[in-house]
């Protein structure tokens, strides 16, 4: 199983970023996919999950209404559209399926 995140960067408060996770090594369309994040000095926290069909989606309260998770089963990718970003969204964002994690992509929200 391999998960490779991309799309992180530096953005000002109120800005947007779209993260992507490219998956390989397993039957992507059969598994739920999740995004997690870990802010400096804090524990890793769950952000969002999308089921294998893309029909069931859940978000952490802290990102609900601002973030949107989606997946493309043919392309074997899962994305996280992040809008209205705030400094507290600064973290390394990780893609996860079952027990496998990506290497993370860093998001920094600052003036």
PDB file of N, CA and C in Angstrom:
ATOM      1  N   UNK A   1       0.844  -1.183   0.000  1.00  0.00           N
ATOM      2  CA  UNK A   1       0.000   0.000   0.000  1.00  0.00           C
ATOM      3  C   UNK A   1       0.883   1.238   0.000  1.00  0.00           C
ATOM      4  N   UNK A   2       0.598   2.160  -0.910  1.00  0.00           N
ATOM      5  CA  UNK A   2       1.342   3.412  -0.937  1.00  0.00           C
ATOM      6  C   UNK A   2       0.364   4.573  -1.071  1.00  0.00           C
ATOM      7  N   UNK A   3       0.571   5.570  -0.232  1.00  0.00           N
ATOM      8  CA  UNK A   3      -0.249   6.780  -0.260  1.00  0.00           C
ATOM      9  C   UNK A   3       0.695   7.970  -0.354  1.00  0.00           C
ATOM     10  N   UNK A   4       0.471   8.826  -1.348  1.00  0.00           N
ATOM     11  CA  UNK A   4       1.356   9.968  -1.565  1.00  0.00           C
ATOM     12  C   UNK A   4       0.526  11.242  -1.605  1.00  0.00           C
ATOM     13  N   UNK A   5       0.722  12.086  -0.602  1.00  0.00           N
ATOM     14  CA  UNK A   5      -0.011  13.345  -0.523  1.00  0.00           C
ATOM     15  C   UNK A   5       0.723  14.450  -1.267  1.00  0.00           C
ATOM     16  N   UNK A   6      -0.034  15.419  -1.721  1.00  0.00           N
ATOM     17  CA  UNK A   6       0.533  16.603  -2.371  1.00  0.00           C
ATOM     18  C   UNK A   6      -0.442  17.767  -2.212  1.00  0.00           C
ATOM     19  N   UNK A   7       0.053  18.957  -2.515  1.00  0.00           N
ATOM     20  CA  UNK A   7      -0.820  20.121  -2.530  1.00  0.00           C
ATOM     21  C   UNK A   7      -0.675  21.065  -1.349  1.00  0.00           C
ATOM     22  N   UNK A   8       0.135  20.699  -0.375  1.00  0.00           N
ATOM     23  CA  UNK A   8       0.327  21.584   0.757  1.00  0.00           C
ATOM     24  C   UNK A   8       1.090  22.836   0.374  1.00  0.00           C
ATOM     25  N   UNK A   9       1.129  23.787   1.304  1.00  0.00           N
ATOM     26  CA  UNK A   9       1.852  25.016   1.033  1.00  0.00           C
ATOM     27  C   UNK A   9       1.541  26.075   2.053  1.00  0.00           C
ATOM     28  N   UNK A  10       1.938  27.275   1.702  1.00  0.00           N
ATOM     29  CA  UNK A  10       1.743  28.443   2.556  1.00  0.00           C
ATOM     30  C   UNK A  10       0.568  29.256   2.021  1.00  0.00           C
ATOM     31  N   UNK A  11      -0.348  29.620   2.903  1.00  0.00           N
ATOM     32  CA  UNK A  11      -1.526  30.365   2.477  1.00  0.00           C
ATOM     33  C   UNK A  11      -1.905  31.353   3.571  1.00  0.00           C
ATOM     34  N   UNK A  12      -2.521  32.448   3.165  1.00  0.00           N
ATOM     35  CA  UNK A  12      -2.948  33.456   4.136  1.00  0.00           C
ATOM     36  C   UNK A  12      -4.302  33.080   4.720  1.00  0.00           C
ATOM     37  N   UNK A  13      -4.600  33.552   5.922  1.00  0.00           N
ATOM     38  CA  UNK A  13      -5.934  33.304   6.501  1.00  0.00           C
ATOM     39  C   UNK A  13      -7.046  33.697   5.536  1.00  0.00           C
ATOM     40  N   UNK A  14      -8.044  32.838   5.452  1.00  0.00           N
ATOM     41  CA  UNK A  14      -9.137  33.051   4.522  1.00  0.00           C
ATOM     42  C   UNK A  14      -8.917  32.417   3.168  1.00  0.00           C
ATOM     43  N   UNK A  15      -7.724  31.940   2.929  1.00  0.00           N
ATOM     44  CA  UNK A  15      -7.389  31.342   1.644  1.00  0.00           C
ATOM     45  C   UNK A  15      -7.818  29.886   1.533  1.00  0.00           C
ATOM     46  N   UNK A  16      -7.480  29.299   0.396  1.00  0.00           N
ATOM     47  CA  UNK A  16      -7.879  27.918   0.099  1.00  0.00           C
ATOM     48  C   UNK A  16      -6.688  27.113  -0.401  1.00  0.00           C
ATOM     49  N   UNK A  17      -6.766  25.827  -0.171  1.00  0.00           N
ATOM     50  CA  UNK A  17      -5.810  24.865  -0.722  1.00  0.00           C
ATOM     51  C   UNK A  17      -6.562  23.580  -1.027  1.00  0.00           C
ATOM     52  N   UNK A  18      -6.062  22.841  -2.001  1.00  0.00           N
ATOM     53  CA  UNK A  18      -6.617  21.517  -2.278  1.00  0.00           C
ATOM     54  C   UNK A  18      -5.509  20.487  -2.165  1.00  0.00           C
ATOM     55  N   UNK A  19      -5.696  19.553  -1.256  1.00  0.00           N
ATOM     56  CA  UNK A  19      -4.745  18.466  -1.068  1.00  0.00           C
ATOM     57  C   UNK A  19      -5.207  17.256  -1.872  1.00  0.00           C
ATOM     58  N   UNK A  20      -4.237  16.500  -2.355  1.00  0.00           N
ATOM     59  CA  UNK A  20      -4.538  15.260  -3.063  1.00  0.00           C
ATOM     60  C   UNK A  20      -3.724  14.121  -2.488  1.00  0.00           C
ATOM     61  N   UNK A  21      -4.280  12.924  -2.598  1.00  0.00           N
ATOM     62  CA  UNK A  21      -3.590  11.715  -2.149  1.00  0.00           C
ATOM     63  C   UNK A  21      -3.728  10.677  -3.255  1.00  0.00           C
ATOM     64  N   UNK A  22      -2.601  10.254  -3.789  1.00  0.00           N
ATOM     65  CA  UNK A  22      -2.578   9.225  -4.820  1.00  0.00           C
ATOM     66  C   UNK A  22      -2.313   7.879  -4.167  1.00  0.00           C
ATOM     67  N   UNK A  23      -3.169   6.911  -4.448  1.00  0.00           N
ATOM     68  CA  UNK A  23      -3.081   5.605  -3.798  1.00  0.00           C
ATOM     69  C   UNK A  23      -2.670   4.532  -4.789  1.00  0.00           C
ATOM     70  N   UNK A  24      -1.958   3.546  -4.281  1.00  0.00           N
ATOM     71  CA  UNK A  24      -1.581   2.393  -5.106  1.00  0.00           C
ATOM     72  C   UNK A  24      -1.330   1.198  -4.204  1.00  0.00           C
ATOM     73  N   UNK A  25      -1.338   0.028  -4.809  1.00  0.00           N
ATOM     74  CA  UNK A  25      -1.007  -1.181  -4.067  1.00  0.00           C
ATOM     75  C   UNK A  25      -2.170  -1.877  -3.403  1.00  0.00           C
ATOM     76  N   UNK A  26      -3.382  -1.391  -3.636  1.00  0.00           N
ATOM     77  CA  UNK A  26      -4.560  -2.049  -3.086  1.00  0.00           C
ATOM     78  C   UNK A  26      -5.749  -1.670  -3.962  1.00  0.00           C
ATOM     79  N   UNK A  27      -6.861  -2.363  -3.740  1.00  0.00           N
ATOM     80  CA  UNK A  27      -8.064  -2.094  -4.546  1.00  0.00           C
ATOM     81  C   UNK A  27      -8.753  -0.879  -3.947  1.00  0.00           C
ATOM     82  N   UNK A  28      -8.406   0.278  -4.491  1.00  0.00           N
ATOM     83  CA  UNK A  28      -8.810   1.563  -3.928  1.00  0.00           C
ATOM     84  C   UNK A  28     -10.321   1.660  -3.728  1.00  0.00           C
ATOM     85  N   UNK A  29     -11.075   1.168  -4.677  1.00  0.00           N
ATOM     86  CA  UNK A  29     -12.527   1.364  -4.663  1.00  0.00           C
ATOM     87  C   UNK A  29     -13.229   0.585  -3.559  1.00  0.00           C
ATOM     88  N   UNK A  30     -12.515  -0.259  -2.854  1.00  0.00           N
ATOM     89  CA  UNK A  30     -13.136  -1.065  -1.801  1.00  0.00           C
ATOM     90  C   UNK A  30     -12.999  -0.467  -0.408  1.00  0.00           C
ATOM     91  N   UNK A  31     -12.204   0.580  -0.283  1.00  0.00           N
ATOM     92  CA  UNK A  31     -11.856   1.035   1.067  1.00  0.00           C
ATOM     93  C   UNK A  31     -12.218   2.487   1.342  1.00  0.00           C
ATOM     94  N   UNK A  32     -12.601   2.719   2.601  1.00  0.00           N
ATOM     95  CA  UNK A  32     -12.764   4.086   3.076  1.00  0.00           C
ATOM     96  C   UNK A  32     -11.407   4.782   3.055  1.00  0.00           C
ATOM     97  N   UNK A  33     -11.468   6.090   2.875  1.00  0.00           N
ATOM     98  CA  UNK A  33     -10.260   6.903   2.900  1.00  0.00           C
ATOM     99  C   UNK A  33     -10.463   8.063   3.879  1.00  0.00           C
ATOM    100  N   UNK A  34      -9.404   8.426   4.565  1.00  0.00           N
ATOM    101  CA  UNK A  34      -9.501   9.486   5.572  1.00  0.00           C
ATOM    102  C   UNK A  34      -8.347  10.465   5.454  1.00  0.00           C
ATOM    103  N   UNK A  35      -8.597  11.658   5.950  1.00  0.00           N
ATOM    104  CA  UNK A  35      -7.545  12.656   6.145  1.00  0.00           C
ATOM    105  C   UNK A  35      -7.408  12.902   7.652  1.00  0.00           C
ATOM    106  N   UNK A  36      -6.177  13.017   8.074  1.00  0.00           N
ATOM    107  CA  UNK A  36      -5.837  13.386   9.445  1.00  0.00           C
ATOM    108  C   UNK A  36      -4.874  14.566   9.364  1.00  0.00           C
ATOM    109  N   UNK A  37      -4.667  15.199  10.508  1.00  0.00           N
ATOM    110  CA  UNK A  37      -3.664  16.262  10.560  1.00  0.00           C
ATOM    111  C   UNK A  37      -2.994  16.272  11.917  1.00  0.00           C
ATOM    112  N   UNK A  38      -1.776  16.784  11.918  1.00  0.00           N
ATOM    113  CA  UNK A  38      -1.027  16.915  13.163  1.00  0.00           C
ATOM    114  C   UNK A  38      -0.390  18.290  13.211  1.00  0.00           C
ATOM    115  N   UNK A  39      -0.866  19.091  14.132  1.00  0.00           N
ATOM    116  CA  UNK A  39      -0.316  20.430  14.311  1.00  0.00           C
ATOM    117  C   UNK A  39       0.942  20.354  15.172  1.00  0.00           C
ATOM    118  N   UNK A  40       1.811  21.340  15.070  1.00  0.00           N
ATOM    119  CA  UNK A  40       3.037  21.330  15.871  1.00  0.00           C
ATOM    120  C   UNK A  40       2.730  21.191  17.361  1.00  0.00           C
ATOM    121  N   UNK A  41       3.354  20.227  17.996  1.00  0.00           N
ATOM    122  CA  UNK A  41       3.193  20.038  19.427  1.00  0.00           C
ATOM    123  C   UNK A  41       1.895  19.387  19.856  1.00  0.00           C
ATOM    124  N   UNK A  42       1.104  18.941  18.883  1.00  0.00           N
ATOM    125  CA  UNK A  42      -0.182  18.329  19.220  1.00  0.00           C
ATOM    126  C   UNK A  42      -0.265  16.914  18.667  1.00  0.00           C
ATOM    127  N   UNK A  43      -1.248  16.185  19.153  1.00  0.00           N
ATOM    128  CA  UNK A  43      -1.456  14.826  18.663  1.00  0.00           C
ATOM    129  C   UNK A  43      -2.166  14.869  17.300  1.00  0.00           C
ATOM    130  N   UNK A  44      -1.968  13.797  16.559  1.00  0.00           N
ATOM    131  CA  UNK A  44      -2.636  13.684  15.272  1.00  0.00           C
ATOM    132  C   UNK A  44      -4.145  13.588  15.498  1.00  0.00           C
ATOM    133  N   UNK A  45      -4.913  14.295  14.661  1.00  0.00           N
ATOM    134  CA  UNK A  45      -6.363  14.278  14.813  1.00  0.00           C
ATOM    135  C   UNK A  45      -7.039  13.959  13.490  1.00  0.00           C
ATOM    136  N   UNK A  46      -8.158  13.328  13.587  1.00  0.00           N
ATOM    137  CA  UNK A  46      -8.952  12.980  12.418  1.00  0.00           C
ATOM    138  C   UNK A  46      -9.615  14.233  11.852  1.00  0.00           C
ATOM    139  N   UNK A  47      -9.679  14.315  10.520  1.00  0.00           N
ATOM    140  CA  UNK A  47     -10.280  15.468   9.845  1.00  0.00           C
ATOM    141  C   UNK A  47     -11.554  15.073   9.095  1.00  0.00           C
ATOM    142  N   UNK A  48     -11.460  14.035   8.275  1.00  0.00           N
ATOM    143  CA  UNK A  48     -12.605  13.667   7.448  1.00  0.00           C
ATOM    144  C   UNK A  48     -12.432  12.249   6.934  1.00  0.00           C
ATOM    145  N   UNK A  49     -13.559  11.595   6.644  1.00  0.00           N
ATOM    146  CA  UNK A  49     -13.572  10.254   6.068  1.00  0.00           C
ATOM    147  C   UNK A  49     -14.617  10.183   4.973  1.00  0.00           C
ATOM    148  N   UNK A  50     -14.282   9.477   3.919  1.00  0.00           N
ATOM    149  CA  UNK A  50     -15.222   9.208   2.839  1.00  0.00           C
ATOM    150  C   UNK A  50     -15.270   7.700   2.630  1.00  0.00           C
ATOM    151  N   UNK A  51     -16.461   7.146   2.492  1.00  0.00           N
ATOM    152  CA  UNK A  51     -16.562   5.694   2.343  1.00  0.00           C
ATOM    153  C   UNK A  51     -16.179   5.290   0.924  1.00  0.00           C
ATOM    154  N   UNK A  52     -16.165   3.991   0.685  1.00  0.00           N
ATOM    155  CA  UNK A  52     -15.666   3.473  -0.589  1.00  0.00           C
ATOM    156  C   UNK A  52     -16.478   3.962  -1.786  1.00  0.00           C
ATOM    157  N   UNK A  53     -17.772   4.220  -1.556  1.00  0.00           N
ATOM    158  CA  UNK A  53     -18.633   4.646  -2.661  1.00  0.00           C
ATOM    159  C   UNK A  53     -18.629   6.158  -2.858  1.00  0.00           C
ATOM    160  N   UNK A  54     -18.155   6.872  -1.866  1.00  0.00           N
ATOM    161  CA  UNK A  54     -18.189   8.329  -1.923  1.00  0.00           C
ATOM    162  C   UNK A  54     -19.490   8.922  -1.423  1.00  0.00           C
ATOM    163  N   UNK A  55     -20.400   8.085  -0.978  1.00  0.00           N
ATOM    164  CA  UNK A  55     -21.724   8.590  -0.569  1.00  0.00           C
ATOM    165  C   UNK A  55     -21.807   8.934   0.912  1.00  0.00           C
ATOM    166  N   UNK A  56     -20.973   8.334   1.716  1.00  0.00           N
ATOM    167  CA  UNK A  56     -21.008   8.616   3.154  1.00  0.00           C
ATOM    168  C   UNK A  56     -19.747   9.383   3.519  1.00  0.00           C
ATOM    169  N   UNK A  57     -19.948  10.578   4.027  1.00  0.00           N
ATOM    170  CA  UNK A  57     -18.842  11.481   4.345  1.00  0.00           C
ATOM    171  C   UNK A  57     -19.045  12.032   5.745  1.00  0.00           C
ATOM    172  N   UNK A  58     -17.969  12.085   6.483  1.00  0.00           N
ATOM    173  CA  UNK A  58     -18.021  12.642   7.831  1.00  0.00           C
ATOM    174  C   UNK A  58     -16.856  13.615   8.019  1.00  0.00           C
ATOM    175  N   UNK A  59     -17.114  14.641   8.824  1.00  0.00           N
ATOM    176  CA  UNK A  59     -16.102  15.657   9.094  1.00  0.00           C
ATOM    177  C   UNK A  59     -15.974  15.897  10.593  1.00  0.00           C
ATOM    178  N   UNK A  60     -14.778  16.271  11.002  1.00  0.00           N
ATOM    179  CA  UNK A  60     -14.592  16.776  12.350  1.00  0.00           C
ATOM    180  C   UNK A  60     -15.322  18.109  12.462  1.00  0.00           C
ATOM    181  N   UNK A  61     -15.824  18.403  13.652  1.00  0.00           N
ATOM    182  CA  UNK A  61     -16.558  19.651  13.849  1.00  0.00           C
ATOM    183  C   UNK A  61     -15.704  20.871  13.501  1.00  0.00           C
ATOM    184  N   UNK A  62     -14.413  20.759  13.721  1.00  0.00           N
ATOM    185  CA  UNK A  62     -13.525  21.902  13.514  1.00  0.00           C
ATOM    186  C   UNK A  62     -13.389  22.304  12.046  1.00  0.00           C
ATOM    187  N   UNK A  63     -13.742  21.408  11.120  1.00  0.00           N
ATOM    188  CA  UNK A  63     -13.583  21.724   9.698  1.00  0.00           C
ATOM    189  C   UNK A  63     -14.899  21.691   8.945  1.00  0.00           C
ATOM    190  N   UNK A  64     -15.972  21.288   9.612  1.00  0.00           N
ATOM    191  CA  UNK A  64     -17.269  21.154   8.953  1.00  0.00           C
ATOM    192  C   UNK A  64     -17.694  22.487   8.347  1.00  0.00           C
ATOM    193  N   UNK A  65     -18.120  22.431   7.094  1.00  0.00           N
ATOM    194  CA  UNK A  65     -18.541  23.644   6.407  1.00  0.00           C
ATOM    195  C   UNK A  65     -17.432  24.376   5.697  1.00  0.00           C
ATOM    196  N   UNK A  66     -16.185  24.012   5.986  1.00  0.00           N
ATOM    197  CA  UNK A  66     -15.040  24.663   5.341  1.00  0.00           C
ATOM    198  C   UNK A  66     -14.252  23.699   4.454  1.00  0.00           C
ATOM    199  N   UNK A  67     -14.184  22.440   4.860  1.00  0.00           N
ATOM    200  CA  UNK A  67     -13.419  21.436   4.129  1.00  0.00           C
ATOM    201  C   UNK A  67     -14.375  20.493   3.406  1.00  0.00           C
ATOM    202  N   UNK A  68     -13.901  19.956   2.293  1.00  0.00           N
ATOM    203  CA  UNK A  68     -14.713  19.018   1.522  1.00  0.00           C
ATOM    204  C   UNK A  68     -13.822  17.876   1.028  1.00  0.00           C
ATOM    205  N   UNK A  69     -14.188  16.653   1.383  1.00  0.00           N
ATOM    206  CA  UNK A  69     -13.438  15.478   0.949  1.00  0.00           C
ATOM    207  C   UNK A  69     -14.141  14.853  -0.248  1.00  0.00           C
ATOM    208  N   UNK A  70     -13.367  14.369  -1.194  1.00  0.00           N
ATOM    209  CA  UNK A  70     -13.932  13.702  -2.361  1.00  0.00           C
ATOM    210  C   UNK A  70     -12.959  12.625  -2.835  1.00  0.00           C
ATOM    211  N   UNK A  71     -13.443  11.747  -3.702  1.00  0.00           N
ATOM    212  CA  UNK A  71     -12.584  10.695  -4.214  1.00  0.00           C
ATOM    213  C   UNK A  71     -12.912  10.410  -5.669  1.00  0.00           C
ATOM    214  N   UNK A  72     -11.916   9.888  -6.365  1.00  0.00           N
ATOM    215  CA  UNK A  72     -12.100   9.474  -7.757  1.00  0.00           C
ATOM    216  C   UNK A  72     -11.579   8.050  -7.846  1.00  0.00           C
ATOM    217  N   UNK A  73     -12.473   7.097  -7.883  1.00  0.00           N
ATOM    218  CA  UNK A  73     -12.065   5.694  -7.789  1.00  0.00           C
ATOM    219  C   UNK A  73     -11.284   5.226  -9.016  1.00  0.00           C
ATOM    220  N   UNK A  74     -11.593   5.748 -10.171  1.00  0.00           N
ATOM    221  CA  UNK A  74     -10.841   5.331 -11.359  1.00  0.00           C
ATOM    222  C   UNK A  74      -9.412   5.869 -11.324  1.00  0.00           C
ATOM    223  N   UNK A  75      -9.255   7.099 -10.829  1.00  0.00           N
ATOM    224  CA  UNK A  75      -7.922   7.696 -10.744  1.00  0.00           C
ATOM    225  C   UNK A  75      -7.194   7.292  -9.468  1.00  0.00           C
ATOM    226  N   UNK A  76      -7.910   6.642  -8.548  1.00  0.00           N
ATOM    227  CA  UNK A  76      -7.337   6.214  -7.267  1.00  0.00           C
ATOM    228  C   UNK A  76      -6.775   7.395  -6.481  1.00  0.00           C
ATOM    229  N   UNK A  77      -7.579   8.413  -6.383  1.00  0.00           N
ATOM    230  CA  UNK A  77      -7.172   9.593  -5.625  1.00  0.00           C
ATOM    231  C   UNK A  77      -8.273  10.018  -4.655  1.00  0.00           C
ATOM    232  N   UNK A  78      -7.843  10.628  -3.583  1.00  0.00           N
ATOM    233  CA  UNK A  78      -8.766  11.257  -2.651  1.00  0.00           C
ATOM    234  C   UNK A  78      -8.258  12.672  -2.420  1.00  0.00           C
ATOM    235  N   UNK A  79      -9.187  13.612  -2.363  1.00  0.00           N
ATOM    236  CA  UNK A  79      -8.816  15.019  -2.250  1.00  0.00           C
ATOM    237  C   UNK A  79      -9.450  15.655  -1.026  1.00  0.00           C
ATOM    238  N   UNK A  80      -8.851  16.739  -0.598  1.00  0.00           N
ATOM    239  CA  UNK A  80      -9.405  17.526   0.495  1.00  0.00           C
ATOM    240  C   UNK A  80      -9.346  18.997   0.084  1.00  0.00           C
ATOM    241  N   UNK A  81     -10.501  19.553  -0.235  1.00  0.00           N
ATOM    242  CA  UNK A  81     -10.599  20.971  -0.553  1.00  0.00           C
ATOM    243  C   UNK A  81     -10.776  21.729   0.746  1.00  0.00           C
ATOM    244  N   UNK A  82      -9.861  22.661   0.997  1.00  0.00           N
ATOM    245  CA  UNK A  82      -9.877  23.404   2.252  1.00  0.00           C
ATOM    246  C   UNK A  82     -10.095  24.877   1.960  1.00  0.00           C
ATOM    247  N   UNK A  83     -11.190  25.394   2.453  1.00  0.00           N
ATOM    248  CA  UNK A  83     -11.534  26.803   2.261  1.00  0.00           C
ATOM    249  C   UNK A  83     -11.550  27.530   3.602  1.00  0.00           C
ATOM    250  N   UNK A  84     -11.532  28.845   3.525  1.00  0.00           N
ATOM    251  CA  UNK A  84     -11.567  29.679   4.743  1.00  0.00           C
ATOM    252  C   UNK A  84     -10.539  29.213   5.763  1.00  0.00           C
ATOM    253  N   UNK A  85      -9.339  28.981   5.310  1.00  0.00           N
ATOM    254  CA  UNK A  85      -8.293  28.471   6.187  1.00  0.00           C
ATOM    255  C   UNK A  85      -7.925  29.477   7.258  1.00  0.00           C
ATOM    256  N   UNK A  86      -7.626  28.952   8.429  1.00  0.00           N
ATOM    257  CA  UNK A  86      -7.256  29.766   9.585  1.00  0.00           C
ATOM    258  C   UNK A  86      -5.919  29.287  10.129  1.00  0.00           C
ATOM    259  N   UNK A  87      -5.240  30.116  10.895  1.00  0.00           N
ATOM    260  CA  UNK A  87      -3.941  29.693  11.446  1.00  0.00           C
ATOM    261  C   UNK A  87      -4.014  28.369  12.209  1.00  0.00           C
ATOM    262  N   UNK A  88      -5.138  28.101  12.838  1.00  0.00           N
ATOM    263  CA  UNK A  88      -5.264  26.847  13.583  1.00  0.00           C
ATOM    264  C   UNK A  88      -5.366  25.620  12.684  1.00  0.00           C
ATOM    265  N   UNK A  89      -5.485  25.823  11.391  1.00  0.00           N
ATOM    266  CA  UNK A  89      -5.462  24.714  10.435  1.00  0.00           C
ATOM    267  C   UNK A  89      -4.032  24.330  10.047  1.00  0.00           C
ATOM    268  N   UNK A  90      -3.075  25.091  10.507  1.00  0.00           N
ATOM    269  CA  UNK A  90      -1.674  24.781  10.233  1.00  0.00           C
ATOM    270  C   UNK A  90      -1.316  23.413  10.801  1.00  0.00           C
ATOM    271  N   UNK A  91      -0.828  22.536   9.951  1.00  0.00           N
ATOM    272  CA  UNK A  91      -0.540  21.160  10.368  1.00  0.00           C
ATOM    273  C   UNK A  91       0.081  20.407   9.199  1.00  0.00           C
ATOM    274  N   UNK A  92       0.576  19.241   9.502  1.00  0.00           N
ATOM    275  CA  UNK A  92       0.904  18.278   8.457  1.00  0.00           C
ATOM    276  C   UNK A  92      -0.337  17.417   8.251  1.00  0.00           C
ATOM    277  N   UNK A  93      -0.763  17.313   6.998  1.00  0.00           N
ATOM    278  CA  UNK A  93      -1.977  16.581   6.666  1.00  0.00           C
ATOM    279  C   UNK A  93      -1.602  15.224   6.074  1.00  0.00           C
ATOM    280  N   UNK A  94      -2.270  14.195   6.589  1.00  0.00           N
ATOM    281  CA  UNK A  94      -1.973  12.831   6.200  1.00  0.00           C
ATOM    282  C   UNK A  94      -3.198  12.151   5.602  1.00  0.00           C
ATOM    283  N   UNK A  95      -2.943  11.336   4.615  1.00  0.00           N
ATOM    284  CA  UNK A  95      -3.947  10.462   4.013  1.00  0.00           C
ATOM    285  C   UNK A  95      -3.825   9.094   4.689  1.00  0.00           C
ATOM    286  N   UNK A  96      -4.951   8.456   4.919  1.00  0.00           N
ATOM    287  CA  UNK A  96      -4.925   7.158   5.610  1.00  0.00           C
ATOM    288  C   UNK A  96      -5.974   6.215   5.053  1.00  0.00           C
ATOM    289  N   UNK A  97      -5.614   4.942   4.936  1.00  0.00           N
ATOM    290  CA  UNK A  97      -6.581   3.895   4.684  1.00  0.00           C
ATOM    291  C   UNK A  97      -6.185   2.672   5.475  1.00  0.00           C
ATOM    292  N   UNK A  98      -7.119   2.061   6.124  1.00  0.00           N
ATOM    293  CA  UNK A  98      -6.833   0.942   7.036  1.00  0.00           C
ATOM    294  C   UNK A  98      -5.693   1.352   7.958  1.00  0.00           C
ATOM    295  N   UNK A  99      -4.594   0.631   7.962  1.00  0.00           N
ATOM    296  CA  UNK A  99      -3.485   0.964   8.857  1.00  0.00           C
ATOM    297  C   UNK A  99      -2.351   1.685   8.132  1.00  0.00           C
ATOM    298  N   UNK A 100      -2.567   2.057   6.875  1.00  0.00           N
ATOM    299  CA  UNK A 100      -1.514   2.686   6.084  1.00  0.00           C
ATOM    300  C   UNK A 100      -1.651   4.201   6.077  1.00  0.00           C
ATOM    301  N   UNK A 101      -0.502   4.873   6.210  1.00  0.00           N
ATOM    302  CA  UNK A 101      -0.429   6.325   6.215  1.00  0.00           C
ATOM    303  C   UNK A 101       0.477   6.818   5.089  1.00  0.00           C
ATOM    304  N   UNK A 102       0.148   7.991   4.578  1.00  0.00           N
ATOM    305  CA  UNK A 102       1.075   8.648   3.677  1.00  0.00           C
ATOM    306  C   UNK A 102       2.156   9.356   4.472  1.00  0.00           C
ATOM    307  N   UNK A 103       3.050  10.040   3.743  1.00  0.00           N
ATOM    308  CA  UNK A 103       4.154  10.723   4.401  1.00  0.00           C
ATOM    309  C   UNK A 103       3.766  12.114   4.892  1.00  0.00           C
ATOM    310  N   UNK A 104       2.645  12.605   4.424  1.00  0.00           N
ATOM    311  CA  UNK A 104       2.138  13.899   4.871  1.00  0.00           C
ATOM    312  C   UNK A 104       2.512  15.039   3.947  1.00  0.00           C
ATOM    313  N   UNK A 105       1.697  16.081   3.974  1.00  0.00           N
ATOM    314  CA  UNK A 105       1.981  17.314   3.243  1.00  0.00           C
ATOM    315  C   UNK A 105       1.682  18.471   4.190  1.00  0.00           C
ATOM    316  N   UNK A 106       2.585  19.436   4.200  1.00  0.00           N
ATOM    317  CA  UNK A 106       2.505  20.491   5.199  1.00  0.00           C
ATOM    318  C   UNK A 106       1.663  21.670   4.722  1.00  0.00           C
ATOM    319  N   UNK A 107       0.796  22.114   5.601  1.00  0.00           N
ATOM    320  CA  UNK A 107      -0.035  23.285   5.342  1.00  0.00           C
ATOM    321  C   UNK A 107       0.266  24.335   6.408  1.00  0.00           C
ATOM    322  N   UNK A 108       0.620  25.526   5.969  1.00  0.00           N
ATOM    323  CA  UNK A 108       0.890  26.614   6.890  1.00  0.00           C
ATOM    324  C   UNK A 108      -0.013  27.788   6.543  1.00  0.00           C
ATOM    325  N   UNK A 109      -0.783  28.232   7.527  1.00  0.00           N
ATOM    326  CA  UNK A 109      -1.695  29.357   7.338  1.00  0.00           C
ATOM    327  C   UNK A 109      -1.182  30.512   8.201  1.00  0.00           C
ATOM    328  N   UNK A 110      -0.714  31.548   7.542  1.00  0.00           N
ATOM    329  CA  UNK A 110      -0.126  32.661   8.271  1.00  0.00           C
ATOM    330  C   UNK A 110      -0.164  33.922   7.427  1.00  0.00           C
ATOM    331  N   UNK A 111      -0.111  35.067   8.131  1.00  0.00           N
ATOM    332  CA  UNK A 111      -0.031  36.340   7.414  1.00  0.00           C
ATOM    333  C   UNK A 111       1.357  36.500   6.809  1.00  0.00           C
TER     334      UNK A 111
END
